[in-house]
N, C-alpha and C. Protein backbone atom coordinates (compact mmCIF):
# COMPACT_ATOMS: atom_id res chain seq x y z
N UNK A 1 -91.62 -29.17 -43.29
CA UNK A 1 -91.03 -28.66 -44.51
C UNK A 1 -91.24 -29.64 -45.64
N UNK A 2 -91.53 -29.09 -46.83
CA UNK A 2 -91.72 -29.94 -47.99
C UNK A 2 -90.40 -30.55 -48.40
N UNK A 3 -90.40 -31.82 -48.77
CA UNK A 3 -89.21 -32.50 -49.26
C UNK A 3 -89.39 -32.74 -50.75
N UNK A 4 -88.47 -32.24 -51.57
CA UNK A 4 -88.65 -32.28 -53.00
C UNK A 4 -87.95 -33.45 -53.66
N UNK A 5 -87.07 -34.15 -52.91
CA UNK A 5 -86.47 -35.36 -53.45
C UNK A 5 -85.18 -35.12 -54.19
N UNK A 6 -84.59 -36.21 -54.64
CA UNK A 6 -83.24 -36.17 -55.20
C UNK A 6 -83.17 -35.38 -56.49
N UNK A 7 -84.24 -35.39 -57.30
CA UNK A 7 -84.19 -34.68 -58.57
C UNK A 7 -83.97 -33.20 -58.34
N UNK A 8 -84.70 -32.62 -57.37
CA UNK A 8 -84.53 -31.21 -57.08
C UNK A 8 -83.17 -30.98 -56.43
N UNK A 9 -82.78 -31.87 -55.56
CA UNK A 9 -81.51 -31.71 -54.86
C UNK A 9 -80.35 -31.61 -55.85
N UNK A 10 -80.45 -32.28 -56.97
CA UNK A 10 -79.36 -32.27 -57.94
C UNK A 10 -79.16 -30.89 -58.55
N UNK A 11 -80.18 -30.02 -58.48
CA UNK A 11 -80.02 -28.66 -58.97
C UNK A 11 -78.92 -27.92 -58.23
N UNK A 12 -78.61 -28.37 -57.04
CA UNK A 12 -77.72 -27.60 -56.18
C UNK A 12 -76.33 -28.22 -56.10
N UNK A 13 -76.01 -29.15 -57.00
CA UNK A 13 -74.67 -29.69 -57.07
C UNK A 13 -73.84 -28.84 -58.01
N UNK A 14 -72.73 -28.30 -57.51
CA UNK A 14 -71.87 -27.46 -58.33
C UNK A 14 -71.01 -28.32 -59.25
N UNK A 15 -70.36 -27.68 -60.20
CA UNK A 15 -69.52 -28.39 -61.14
C UNK A 15 -68.37 -29.12 -60.45
N UNK A 16 -67.91 -28.61 -59.31
CA UNK A 16 -66.81 -29.28 -58.61
C UNK A 16 -67.30 -30.38 -57.69
N UNK A 17 -68.61 -30.68 -57.72
CA UNK A 17 -69.17 -31.76 -56.90
C UNK A 17 -69.63 -31.33 -55.53
N UNK A 18 -69.37 -30.09 -55.13
CA UNK A 18 -69.79 -29.62 -53.82
C UNK A 18 -71.26 -29.22 -53.85
N UNK A 19 -71.86 -29.13 -52.67
CA UNK A 19 -73.28 -28.79 -52.57
C UNK A 19 -73.45 -27.29 -52.39
N UNK A 20 -74.32 -26.69 -53.18
CA UNK A 20 -74.65 -25.29 -53.00
C UNK A 20 -75.72 -25.18 -51.92
N UNK A 21 -75.45 -24.41 -50.89
CA UNK A 21 -76.42 -24.13 -49.85
C UNK A 21 -76.98 -22.73 -50.04
N UNK A 22 -78.24 -22.56 -49.68
CA UNK A 22 -78.88 -21.26 -49.75
C UNK A 22 -79.27 -20.84 -48.33
N UNK A 23 -79.06 -19.57 -48.00
CA UNK A 23 -79.46 -19.04 -46.71
C UNK A 23 -80.68 -18.15 -46.92
N UNK A 24 -81.84 -18.64 -46.46
CA UNK A 24 -83.08 -17.88 -46.57
C UNK A 24 -83.18 -17.00 -45.33
N UNK A 25 -83.32 -15.70 -45.54
CA UNK A 25 -83.14 -14.72 -44.46
C UNK A 25 -84.31 -13.75 -44.40
N UNK A 26 -84.54 -13.19 -43.21
CA UNK A 26 -85.49 -12.09 -43.06
C UNK A 26 -85.02 -11.19 -41.93
N UNK A 27 -85.22 -9.90 -42.11
CA UNK A 27 -84.91 -8.90 -41.08
C UNK A 27 -86.19 -8.20 -40.66
N UNK A 28 -86.26 -7.84 -39.39
CA UNK A 28 -87.24 -6.85 -38.92
C UNK A 28 -86.46 -5.60 -38.54
N UNK A 29 -87.04 -4.44 -38.80
CA UNK A 29 -86.32 -3.18 -38.60
C UNK A 29 -87.23 -2.15 -37.94
N UNK A 30 -86.63 -1.03 -37.54
CA UNK A 30 -87.41 0.04 -36.92
C UNK A 30 -88.08 0.94 -37.95
N UNK A 31 -87.80 0.72 -39.22
CA UNK A 31 -88.39 1.52 -40.28
C UNK A 31 -87.80 1.14 -41.62
N UNK A 32 -88.07 1.92 -42.65
CA UNK A 32 -87.72 1.55 -44.01
C UNK A 32 -86.42 2.15 -44.51
N UNK A 33 -85.84 3.09 -43.77
CA UNK A 33 -84.62 3.76 -44.22
C UNK A 33 -83.39 3.10 -43.63
N UNK A 34 -82.50 2.61 -44.48
CA UNK A 34 -81.26 1.98 -43.98
C UNK A 34 -80.38 3.00 -43.27
N UNK A 35 -80.51 4.27 -43.62
CA UNK A 35 -79.66 5.30 -43.02
C UNK A 35 -80.16 5.75 -41.66
N UNK A 36 -81.47 5.76 -41.46
CA UNK A 36 -82.04 6.28 -40.21
C UNK A 36 -82.52 5.20 -39.26
N UNK A 37 -82.79 3.99 -39.77
CA UNK A 37 -83.41 2.96 -38.95
C UNK A 37 -82.46 1.80 -38.70
N UNK A 38 -82.77 1.03 -37.67
CA UNK A 38 -81.92 -0.09 -37.28
C UNK A 38 -82.65 -1.42 -37.38
N UNK A 39 -81.89 -2.48 -37.14
CA UNK A 39 -82.40 -3.85 -37.22
C UNK A 39 -82.85 -4.31 -35.83
N UNK A 40 -84.02 -4.96 -35.75
CA UNK A 40 -84.52 -5.44 -34.46
C UNK A 40 -84.53 -6.97 -34.37
N UNK A 41 -84.45 -7.67 -35.51
CA UNK A 41 -84.47 -9.12 -35.49
C UNK A 41 -83.85 -9.66 -36.78
N UNK A 42 -83.07 -10.72 -36.65
CA UNK A 42 -82.49 -11.41 -37.81
C UNK A 42 -82.80 -12.89 -37.66
N UNK A 43 -83.29 -13.49 -38.74
CA UNK A 43 -83.53 -14.94 -38.75
C UNK A 43 -83.08 -15.49 -40.09
N UNK A 44 -82.59 -16.72 -40.08
CA UNK A 44 -82.13 -17.34 -41.32
C UNK A 44 -82.16 -18.86 -41.18
N UNK A 45 -82.39 -19.52 -42.31
CA UNK A 45 -82.34 -20.98 -42.41
C UNK A 45 -81.39 -21.33 -43.55
N UNK A 46 -80.48 -22.25 -43.30
CA UNK A 46 -79.62 -22.78 -44.37
C UNK A 46 -80.28 -24.02 -44.95
N UNK A 47 -80.47 -24.04 -46.27
CA UNK A 47 -81.21 -25.08 -46.98
C UNK A 47 -80.32 -25.68 -48.04
N UNK A 48 -80.33 -27.00 -48.16
CA UNK A 48 -79.41 -27.67 -49.08
C UNK A 48 -80.08 -28.16 -50.36
N UNK A 49 -81.29 -27.68 -50.62
CA UNK A 49 -82.02 -28.13 -51.79
C UNK A 49 -83.02 -29.22 -51.47
N UNK A 50 -82.93 -29.77 -50.27
CA UNK A 50 -83.83 -30.85 -49.86
C UNK A 50 -84.37 -30.64 -48.46
N UNK A 51 -83.55 -30.09 -47.58
CA UNK A 51 -83.95 -29.97 -46.17
C UNK A 51 -83.18 -28.83 -45.50
N UNK A 52 -83.71 -28.40 -44.37
CA UNK A 52 -83.01 -27.45 -43.52
C UNK A 52 -81.83 -28.13 -42.85
N UNK A 53 -80.67 -27.48 -42.86
CA UNK A 53 -79.51 -28.06 -42.19
C UNK A 53 -78.99 -27.20 -41.05
N UNK A 54 -79.46 -25.96 -40.93
CA UNK A 54 -79.01 -25.11 -39.84
C UNK A 54 -79.92 -23.89 -39.79
N UNK A 55 -79.94 -23.22 -38.64
CA UNK A 55 -80.71 -21.98 -38.55
C UNK A 55 -80.04 -21.00 -37.61
N UNK A 56 -80.38 -19.73 -37.80
CA UNK A 56 -79.83 -18.62 -37.00
C UNK A 56 -80.99 -17.71 -36.62
N UNK A 57 -81.00 -17.25 -35.36
CA UNK A 57 -82.04 -16.31 -34.95
C UNK A 57 -81.53 -15.48 -33.78
N UNK A 58 -81.80 -14.19 -33.83
CA UNK A 58 -81.52 -13.33 -32.69
C UNK A 58 -82.39 -12.07 -32.77
N UNK A 59 -82.89 -11.64 -31.63
CA UNK A 59 -83.37 -10.26 -31.52
C UNK A 59 -82.15 -9.35 -31.50
N UNK A 60 -82.36 -8.11 -31.87
CA UNK A 60 -81.24 -7.16 -31.97
C UNK A 60 -81.65 -5.85 -31.30
N UNK A 61 -80.75 -5.31 -30.49
CA UNK A 61 -80.96 -3.98 -29.91
C UNK A 61 -80.53 -2.96 -30.96
N UNK A 62 -81.49 -2.21 -31.55
CA UNK A 62 -81.13 -1.29 -32.62
C UNK A 62 -80.50 0.01 -32.12
N UNK A 63 -80.46 0.16 -30.80
CA UNK A 63 -79.90 1.37 -30.16
C UNK A 63 -80.64 2.63 -30.62
N UNK A 64 -81.93 2.45 -30.85
CA UNK A 64 -82.81 3.56 -31.16
C UNK A 64 -84.23 3.11 -30.84
N UNK A 65 -85.13 4.07 -30.74
CA UNK A 65 -86.51 3.77 -30.33
C UNK A 65 -87.26 3.00 -31.42
N UNK A 66 -88.05 2.03 -31.01
CA UNK A 66 -88.92 1.32 -31.93
C UNK A 66 -90.26 2.05 -31.96
N UNK A 67 -90.67 2.60 -33.10
CA UNK A 67 -91.93 3.34 -33.17
C UNK A 67 -93.13 2.44 -32.86
N UNK A 68 -94.18 3.05 -32.36
CA UNK A 68 -95.39 2.30 -31.99
C UNK A 68 -95.97 1.55 -33.19
N UNK A 69 -95.92 2.17 -34.39
CA UNK A 69 -96.46 1.52 -35.58
C UNK A 69 -95.70 0.24 -35.89
N UNK A 70 -94.38 0.26 -35.73
CA UNK A 70 -93.56 -0.92 -35.98
C UNK A 70 -93.82 -1.98 -34.90
N UNK A 71 -94.00 -1.54 -33.67
CA UNK A 71 -94.31 -2.48 -32.59
C UNK A 71 -95.63 -3.20 -32.87
N UNK A 72 -96.63 -2.46 -33.36
CA UNK A 72 -97.92 -3.09 -33.67
C UNK A 72 -97.77 -4.07 -34.83
N UNK A 73 -96.94 -3.74 -35.80
CA UNK A 73 -96.77 -4.60 -36.97
C UNK A 73 -96.03 -5.88 -36.64
N UNK A 74 -94.92 -5.77 -35.89
CA UNK A 74 -94.04 -6.92 -35.66
C UNK A 74 -94.23 -7.58 -34.31
N UNK A 75 -94.80 -6.85 -33.35
CA UNK A 75 -94.90 -7.38 -31.99
C UNK A 75 -93.61 -7.24 -31.20
N UNK A 76 -92.61 -6.61 -31.79
CA UNK A 76 -91.32 -6.42 -31.11
C UNK A 76 -91.32 -5.04 -30.49
N UNK A 77 -91.08 -4.99 -29.15
CA UNK A 77 -91.08 -3.69 -28.48
C UNK A 77 -89.72 -3.40 -27.87
N UNK A 78 -89.58 -2.20 -27.33
CA UNK A 78 -88.30 -1.76 -26.80
C UNK A 78 -87.82 -2.62 -25.64
N UNK A 79 -88.74 -3.09 -24.80
CA UNK A 79 -88.35 -3.93 -23.67
C UNK A 79 -87.78 -5.27 -24.15
N UNK A 80 -88.33 -5.82 -25.23
CA UNK A 80 -87.88 -7.12 -25.73
C UNK A 80 -86.43 -7.08 -26.21
N UNK A 81 -86.01 -5.95 -26.75
CA UNK A 81 -84.65 -5.88 -27.33
C UNK A 81 -83.65 -5.20 -26.41
N UNK A 82 -84.10 -4.79 -25.22
CA UNK A 82 -83.22 -4.02 -24.34
C UNK A 82 -81.95 -4.78 -23.99
N UNK A 83 -82.04 -6.09 -23.78
CA UNK A 83 -80.87 -6.89 -23.41
C UNK A 83 -80.35 -7.75 -24.56
N UNK A 84 -80.86 -7.50 -25.76
CA UNK A 84 -80.39 -8.24 -26.94
C UNK A 84 -79.05 -7.67 -27.40
N UNK A 85 -78.27 -8.44 -28.17
CA UNK A 85 -77.02 -7.90 -28.69
C UNK A 85 -77.28 -6.70 -29.60
N UNK A 86 -76.39 -5.72 -29.53
CA UNK A 86 -76.51 -4.57 -30.42
C UNK A 86 -76.14 -5.01 -31.84
N UNK A 87 -76.40 -4.15 -32.81
CA UNK A 87 -76.22 -4.53 -34.22
C UNK A 87 -74.80 -4.98 -34.51
N UNK A 88 -73.82 -4.34 -33.91
CA UNK A 88 -72.42 -4.71 -34.18
C UNK A 88 -72.18 -6.19 -33.93
N UNK A 89 -72.66 -6.70 -32.81
CA UNK A 89 -72.40 -8.09 -32.46
C UNK A 89 -73.36 -9.04 -33.17
N UNK A 90 -74.62 -8.64 -33.31
CA UNK A 90 -75.60 -9.49 -34.00
C UNK A 90 -75.20 -9.68 -35.46
N UNK A 91 -74.78 -8.61 -36.11
CA UNK A 91 -74.40 -8.71 -37.51
C UNK A 91 -73.11 -9.51 -37.68
N UNK A 92 -72.17 -9.33 -36.76
CA UNK A 92 -70.96 -10.14 -36.83
C UNK A 92 -71.27 -11.62 -36.77
N UNK A 93 -72.17 -12.00 -35.87
CA UNK A 93 -72.56 -13.42 -35.76
C UNK A 93 -73.31 -13.88 -37.01
N UNK A 94 -74.17 -13.01 -37.54
CA UNK A 94 -74.93 -13.41 -38.73
C UNK A 94 -74.01 -13.59 -39.94
N UNK A 95 -73.07 -12.68 -40.14
CA UNK A 95 -72.18 -12.82 -41.29
C UNK A 95 -71.30 -14.06 -41.16
N UNK A 96 -70.94 -14.43 -39.94
CA UNK A 96 -70.23 -15.70 -39.74
C UNK A 96 -71.10 -16.87 -40.17
N UNK A 97 -72.39 -16.81 -39.84
CA UNK A 97 -73.33 -17.87 -40.23
C UNK A 97 -73.51 -17.89 -41.75
N UNK A 98 -73.68 -16.74 -42.35
CA UNK A 98 -73.96 -16.65 -43.79
C UNK A 98 -72.78 -17.14 -44.62
N UNK A 99 -71.58 -16.77 -44.24
CA UNK A 99 -70.41 -17.17 -45.02
C UNK A 99 -70.52 -16.66 -46.45
N UNK A 100 -70.16 -17.52 -47.40
CA UNK A 100 -70.21 -17.15 -48.81
C UNK A 100 -71.48 -17.64 -49.51
N UNK A 101 -72.42 -18.22 -48.77
CA UNK A 101 -73.61 -18.77 -49.39
C UNK A 101 -74.48 -17.67 -49.98
N UNK A 102 -75.23 -17.97 -51.05
CA UNK A 102 -76.18 -17.00 -51.57
C UNK A 102 -77.32 -16.76 -50.59
N UNK A 103 -77.80 -15.54 -50.57
CA UNK A 103 -78.89 -15.16 -49.67
C UNK A 103 -80.20 -15.12 -50.44
N UNK A 104 -81.23 -15.70 -49.87
CA UNK A 104 -82.58 -15.69 -50.45
C UNK A 104 -83.48 -14.93 -49.49
N UNK A 105 -84.27 -14.00 -50.02
CA UNK A 105 -85.21 -13.27 -49.17
C UNK A 105 -86.37 -12.79 -50.03
N UNK A 106 -87.49 -12.52 -49.37
CA UNK A 106 -88.61 -11.92 -50.09
C UNK A 106 -88.39 -10.41 -50.10
N UNK A 107 -88.33 -9.83 -51.29
CA UNK A 107 -87.90 -8.44 -51.46
C UNK A 107 -86.47 -8.29 -50.92
N UNK A 108 -85.57 -9.08 -51.49
CA UNK A 108 -84.19 -9.13 -50.98
C UNK A 108 -83.48 -7.79 -51.07
N UNK A 109 -83.92 -6.90 -51.96
CA UNK A 109 -83.28 -5.59 -52.05
C UNK A 109 -83.30 -4.88 -50.71
N UNK A 110 -84.42 -4.98 -50.01
CA UNK A 110 -84.55 -4.33 -48.69
C UNK A 110 -83.55 -4.93 -47.70
N UNK A 111 -83.49 -6.26 -47.62
CA UNK A 111 -82.59 -6.91 -46.68
C UNK A 111 -81.13 -6.61 -47.01
N UNK A 112 -80.80 -6.63 -48.29
CA UNK A 112 -79.42 -6.36 -48.70
C UNK A 112 -79.05 -4.90 -48.41
N UNK A 113 -79.99 -3.97 -48.60
CA UNK A 113 -79.72 -2.58 -48.22
C UNK A 113 -79.28 -2.49 -46.77
N UNK A 114 -80.06 -3.09 -45.87
CA UNK A 114 -79.75 -3.00 -44.44
C UNK A 114 -78.48 -3.76 -44.09
N UNK A 115 -78.32 -4.95 -44.64
CA UNK A 115 -77.12 -5.74 -44.34
C UNK A 115 -75.87 -5.06 -44.88
N UNK A 116 -75.95 -4.48 -46.06
CA UNK A 116 -74.80 -3.80 -46.65
C UNK A 116 -74.45 -2.55 -45.86
N UNK A 117 -75.47 -1.74 -45.58
CA UNK A 117 -75.21 -0.46 -44.90
C UNK A 117 -74.70 -0.67 -43.48
N UNK A 118 -75.46 -1.41 -42.68
CA UNK A 118 -75.08 -1.59 -41.28
C UNK A 118 -73.90 -2.54 -41.15
N UNK A 119 -73.78 -3.50 -42.06
CA UNK A 119 -72.60 -4.36 -42.05
C UNK A 119 -71.34 -3.55 -42.23
N UNK A 120 -71.39 -2.59 -43.13
CA UNK A 120 -70.20 -1.75 -43.39
C UNK A 120 -69.94 -0.79 -42.22
N UNK A 121 -71.01 -0.11 -41.75
CA UNK A 121 -70.80 0.90 -40.71
C UNK A 121 -70.51 0.29 -39.34
N UNK A 122 -71.10 -0.87 -39.05
CA UNK A 122 -70.96 -1.46 -37.71
C UNK A 122 -69.73 -2.38 -37.60
N UNK A 123 -69.46 -3.17 -38.62
CA UNK A 123 -68.37 -4.16 -38.50
C UNK A 123 -67.41 -4.13 -39.67
N UNK A 124 -67.54 -3.16 -40.58
CA UNK A 124 -66.63 -3.07 -41.71
C UNK A 124 -66.78 -4.19 -42.71
N UNK A 125 -67.98 -4.79 -42.76
CA UNK A 125 -68.20 -5.92 -43.66
C UNK A 125 -68.68 -5.43 -45.02
N UNK A 126 -68.09 -5.96 -46.09
CA UNK A 126 -68.52 -5.66 -47.44
C UNK A 126 -69.39 -6.82 -47.92
N UNK A 127 -70.66 -6.54 -48.18
CA UNK A 127 -71.60 -7.59 -48.58
C UNK A 127 -71.42 -7.90 -50.06
N UNK A 128 -70.98 -9.13 -50.36
CA UNK A 128 -70.73 -9.53 -51.74
C UNK A 128 -71.51 -10.78 -52.15
N UNK A 129 -72.34 -11.29 -51.26
CA UNK A 129 -73.06 -12.54 -51.56
C UNK A 129 -74.05 -12.34 -52.69
N UNK A 130 -74.23 -13.39 -53.50
CA UNK A 130 -75.33 -13.38 -54.46
C UNK A 130 -76.65 -13.31 -53.70
N UNK A 131 -77.62 -12.61 -54.28
CA UNK A 131 -78.92 -12.47 -53.64
C UNK A 131 -80.02 -12.91 -54.60
N UNK A 132 -80.93 -13.73 -54.08
CA UNK A 132 -82.09 -14.19 -54.84
C UNK A 132 -83.34 -13.64 -54.17
N UNK A 133 -84.23 -13.08 -54.96
CA UNK A 133 -85.42 -12.44 -54.43
C UNK A 133 -86.66 -13.24 -54.83
N UNK A 134 -87.38 -13.76 -53.85
CA UNK A 134 -88.59 -14.52 -54.17
C UNK A 134 -89.69 -13.62 -54.73
N UNK A 135 -89.63 -12.35 -54.43
CA UNK A 135 -90.61 -11.43 -55.05
C UNK A 135 -90.33 -11.29 -56.55
N UNK A 136 -89.06 -11.13 -56.92
CA UNK A 136 -88.70 -11.04 -58.34
C UNK A 136 -89.04 -12.35 -59.05
N UNK A 137 -88.77 -13.47 -58.40
CA UNK A 137 -89.12 -14.75 -59.01
C UNK A 137 -90.63 -14.86 -59.21
N UNK A 138 -91.39 -14.37 -58.24
CA UNK A 138 -92.85 -14.40 -58.36
C UNK A 138 -93.31 -13.55 -59.54
N UNK A 139 -92.66 -12.42 -59.77
CA UNK A 139 -93.03 -11.59 -60.91
C UNK A 139 -92.87 -12.34 -62.22
N UNK A 140 -91.85 -13.18 -62.32
CA UNK A 140 -91.58 -13.93 -63.55
C UNK A 140 -92.40 -15.21 -63.63
N UNK A 141 -92.54 -15.89 -62.49
CA UNK A 141 -93.16 -17.22 -62.50
C UNK A 141 -94.67 -17.19 -62.31
N UNK A 142 -95.17 -16.16 -61.63
CA UNK A 142 -96.60 -16.07 -61.33
C UNK A 142 -97.15 -14.70 -61.73
N UNK A 143 -97.01 -14.34 -63.00
CA UNK A 143 -97.43 -12.99 -63.42
C UNK A 143 -98.92 -12.74 -63.23
N UNK A 144 -99.70 -13.82 -63.14
CA UNK A 144 -101.15 -13.65 -63.02
C UNK A 144 -101.58 -13.21 -61.63
N UNK A 145 -100.74 -13.39 -60.62
CA UNK A 145 -101.12 -12.98 -59.26
C UNK A 145 -101.22 -11.46 -59.18
N UNK A 146 -102.30 -10.93 -58.61
CA UNK A 146 -102.46 -9.48 -58.54
C UNK A 146 -101.46 -8.81 -57.61
N UNK A 147 -100.93 -9.54 -56.66
CA UNK A 147 -99.95 -9.01 -55.72
C UNK A 147 -98.89 -10.07 -55.48
N UNK A 148 -97.65 -9.63 -55.30
CA UNK A 148 -96.56 -10.56 -55.03
C UNK A 148 -96.08 -10.45 -53.58
N UNK A 149 -96.94 -9.88 -52.73
CA UNK A 149 -96.62 -9.82 -51.30
C UNK A 149 -96.49 -11.22 -50.73
N UNK A 150 -95.73 -11.33 -49.65
CA UNK A 150 -95.52 -12.63 -49.03
C UNK A 150 -96.85 -13.28 -48.64
N UNK A 151 -97.78 -12.47 -48.13
CA UNK A 151 -99.08 -13.01 -47.72
C UNK A 151 -99.83 -13.61 -48.91
N UNK A 152 -99.74 -12.94 -50.07
CA UNK A 152 -100.43 -13.44 -51.26
C UNK A 152 -99.81 -14.74 -51.75
N UNK A 153 -98.46 -14.84 -51.69
CA UNK A 153 -97.80 -16.07 -52.12
C UNK A 153 -98.15 -17.22 -51.17
N UNK A 154 -98.23 -16.93 -49.88
CA UNK A 154 -98.65 -17.96 -48.93
C UNK A 154 -100.05 -18.45 -49.26
N UNK A 155 -100.95 -17.52 -49.55
CA UNK A 155 -102.32 -17.89 -49.90
C UNK A 155 -102.33 -18.74 -51.17
N UNK A 156 -101.54 -18.35 -52.15
CA UNK A 156 -101.49 -19.06 -53.43
C UNK A 156 -101.04 -20.50 -53.25
N UNK A 157 -100.02 -20.71 -52.41
CA UNK A 157 -99.46 -22.04 -52.23
C UNK A 157 -100.08 -22.80 -51.06
N UNK A 158 -101.05 -22.21 -50.37
CA UNK A 158 -101.69 -22.88 -49.25
C UNK A 158 -100.79 -23.02 -48.04
N UNK A 159 -99.97 -22.00 -47.79
CA UNK A 159 -99.03 -22.01 -46.68
C UNK A 159 -99.56 -21.10 -45.58
N UNK A 160 -99.55 -21.57 -44.35
CA UNK A 160 -100.00 -20.76 -43.22
C UNK A 160 -98.81 -20.08 -42.55
N UNK A 161 -98.96 -18.79 -42.29
CA UNK A 161 -97.96 -18.04 -41.52
C UNK A 161 -98.64 -17.53 -40.26
N UNK A 162 -98.38 -18.21 -39.15
CA UNK A 162 -99.08 -17.90 -37.90
C UNK A 162 -98.51 -16.67 -37.20
N UNK A 163 -97.28 -16.24 -37.59
CA UNK A 163 -96.68 -15.09 -36.92
C UNK A 163 -96.05 -14.16 -37.96
N UNK A 164 -96.88 -13.68 -38.87
CA UNK A 164 -96.38 -12.80 -39.93
C UNK A 164 -95.68 -11.58 -39.33
N UNK A 165 -94.62 -11.16 -39.99
CA UNK A 165 -93.80 -10.02 -39.60
C UNK A 165 -92.93 -10.31 -38.37
N UNK A 166 -92.80 -11.57 -38.00
CA UNK A 166 -91.71 -11.99 -37.14
C UNK A 166 -90.74 -12.74 -38.03
N UNK A 167 -89.44 -12.49 -37.81
CA UNK A 167 -88.44 -12.87 -38.80
C UNK A 167 -88.41 -14.38 -39.08
N UNK A 168 -88.39 -15.22 -38.04
CA UNK A 168 -88.27 -16.65 -38.28
C UNK A 168 -89.52 -17.22 -38.94
N UNK A 169 -90.68 -16.73 -38.56
CA UNK A 169 -91.92 -17.21 -39.19
C UNK A 169 -91.91 -16.85 -40.67
N UNK A 170 -91.48 -15.64 -41.00
CA UNK A 170 -91.43 -15.24 -42.40
C UNK A 170 -90.37 -16.03 -43.17
N UNK A 171 -89.26 -16.35 -42.52
CA UNK A 171 -88.24 -17.18 -43.15
C UNK A 171 -88.81 -18.56 -43.47
N UNK A 172 -89.51 -19.16 -42.52
CA UNK A 172 -90.00 -20.53 -42.71
C UNK A 172 -90.97 -20.61 -43.88
N UNK A 173 -91.84 -19.61 -44.04
CA UNK A 173 -92.76 -19.66 -45.18
C UNK A 173 -92.01 -19.34 -46.48
N UNK A 174 -90.99 -18.51 -46.41
CA UNK A 174 -90.20 -18.21 -47.61
C UNK A 174 -89.44 -19.44 -48.08
N UNK A 175 -89.00 -20.29 -47.15
CA UNK A 175 -88.37 -21.56 -47.53
C UNK A 175 -89.35 -22.38 -48.36
N UNK A 176 -90.58 -22.51 -47.91
CA UNK A 176 -91.59 -23.28 -48.64
C UNK A 176 -91.85 -22.68 -50.02
N UNK A 177 -91.94 -21.35 -50.08
CA UNK A 177 -92.18 -20.68 -51.36
C UNK A 177 -90.99 -20.91 -52.30
N UNK A 178 -89.77 -20.80 -51.79
CA UNK A 178 -88.59 -21.01 -52.62
C UNK A 178 -88.55 -22.46 -53.14
N UNK A 179 -88.96 -23.39 -52.30
CA UNK A 179 -89.04 -24.78 -52.74
C UNK A 179 -89.97 -24.93 -53.94
N UNK A 180 -91.13 -24.26 -53.86
CA UNK A 180 -92.07 -24.33 -54.97
C UNK A 180 -91.47 -23.70 -56.23
N UNK A 181 -90.77 -22.59 -56.06
CA UNK A 181 -90.17 -21.92 -57.20
C UNK A 181 -89.06 -22.77 -57.82
N UNK A 182 -88.32 -23.50 -56.98
CA UNK A 182 -87.28 -24.38 -57.51
C UNK A 182 -87.87 -25.40 -58.47
N UNK A 183 -89.01 -25.97 -58.10
CA UNK A 183 -89.68 -26.93 -58.99
C UNK A 183 -90.06 -26.27 -60.32
N UNK A 184 -90.59 -25.06 -60.23
CA UNK A 184 -91.00 -24.34 -61.43
C UNK A 184 -89.80 -23.95 -62.29
N UNK A 185 -88.71 -23.59 -61.64
CA UNK A 185 -87.49 -23.21 -62.36
C UNK A 185 -86.89 -24.41 -63.07
N UNK A 186 -86.98 -25.57 -62.43
CA UNK A 186 -86.46 -26.79 -63.06
C UNK A 186 -87.15 -27.05 -64.40
N UNK A 187 -88.44 -26.78 -64.44
CA UNK A 187 -89.19 -26.99 -65.67
C UNK A 187 -88.76 -26.03 -66.77
N UNK A 188 -88.06 -24.95 -66.39
CA UNK A 188 -87.55 -23.99 -67.37
C UNK A 188 -86.05 -24.15 -67.58
N UNK A 189 -85.50 -25.29 -67.09
CA UNK A 189 -84.07 -25.59 -67.24
C UNK A 189 -83.18 -24.57 -66.54
N UNK A 190 -83.67 -23.98 -65.46
CA UNK A 190 -82.84 -23.15 -64.59
C UNK A 190 -82.28 -24.05 -63.51
N UNK A 191 -81.04 -24.49 -63.68
CA UNK A 191 -80.53 -25.57 -62.85
C UNK A 191 -79.27 -25.18 -62.07
N UNK A 192 -79.00 -23.90 -61.91
CA UNK A 192 -77.83 -23.48 -61.15
C UNK A 192 -78.10 -22.13 -60.53
N UNK A 193 -77.26 -21.74 -59.59
CA UNK A 193 -77.37 -20.41 -58.99
C UNK A 193 -77.31 -19.33 -60.06
N UNK A 194 -76.38 -19.47 -60.98
CA UNK A 194 -76.23 -18.48 -62.04
C UNK A 194 -77.50 -18.39 -62.89
N UNK A 195 -78.10 -19.54 -63.18
CA UNK A 195 -79.35 -19.55 -63.95
C UNK A 195 -80.45 -18.79 -63.22
N UNK A 196 -80.56 -19.03 -61.91
CA UNK A 196 -81.64 -18.41 -61.13
C UNK A 196 -81.44 -16.90 -61.05
N UNK A 197 -80.21 -16.46 -60.78
CA UNK A 197 -79.92 -15.02 -60.69
C UNK A 197 -80.21 -14.36 -62.03
N UNK A 198 -79.83 -15.01 -63.11
CA UNK A 198 -80.08 -14.45 -64.45
C UNK A 198 -81.58 -14.40 -64.74
N UNK A 199 -82.29 -15.46 -64.38
CA UNK A 199 -83.73 -15.53 -64.65
C UNK A 199 -84.49 -14.43 -63.92
N UNK A 200 -84.17 -14.21 -62.63
CA UNK A 200 -84.93 -13.22 -61.85
C UNK A 200 -84.69 -11.80 -62.34
N UNK A 201 -83.57 -11.58 -63.04
CA UNK A 201 -83.21 -10.22 -63.46
C UNK A 201 -83.70 -9.88 -64.85
N UNK A 202 -84.29 -10.86 -65.57
CA UNK A 202 -84.77 -10.57 -66.92
C UNK A 202 -85.96 -9.62 -66.87
């Protein structure tokens, strides 16, 4: 993991002196509809502005069939998740891990859709965390790139993803991409969570 040093780390000090942590997350699912499809894998890394301090990973039994197209894309099949925790328990554990920290994801709208919908239906959880989207940041910070897909950002920054479309591998490269964006945001005087959320939404 890239280490950005104390200057970058200071971006994540809150006014009360506490450290802001970010949870970089990725989900794999059985399809694109939050209403019809389920979650098959959850991965996350907690990052303190300088280094990884914790991680979470689990396969998830979506309690529905994984289509062949999704199996080819992710490498996750029905046998792999047969004995994994069902969404109710996997999401409960993930929300305990996430706590109140802001969530960072590539195309975070998709992840928040699934977390909000299944969190509410499975465990009665109301998702209120701030969300930062590296795709939205890429739109603002790298407008010249013809595509803002995760693969294109990896190519742009020289990052290798050896297991694309597996949740933890995608999280690890998103951490590196977010680190690069933090440096670029600093140059624009975006020095707080509120600044970053406001910047990505312009």
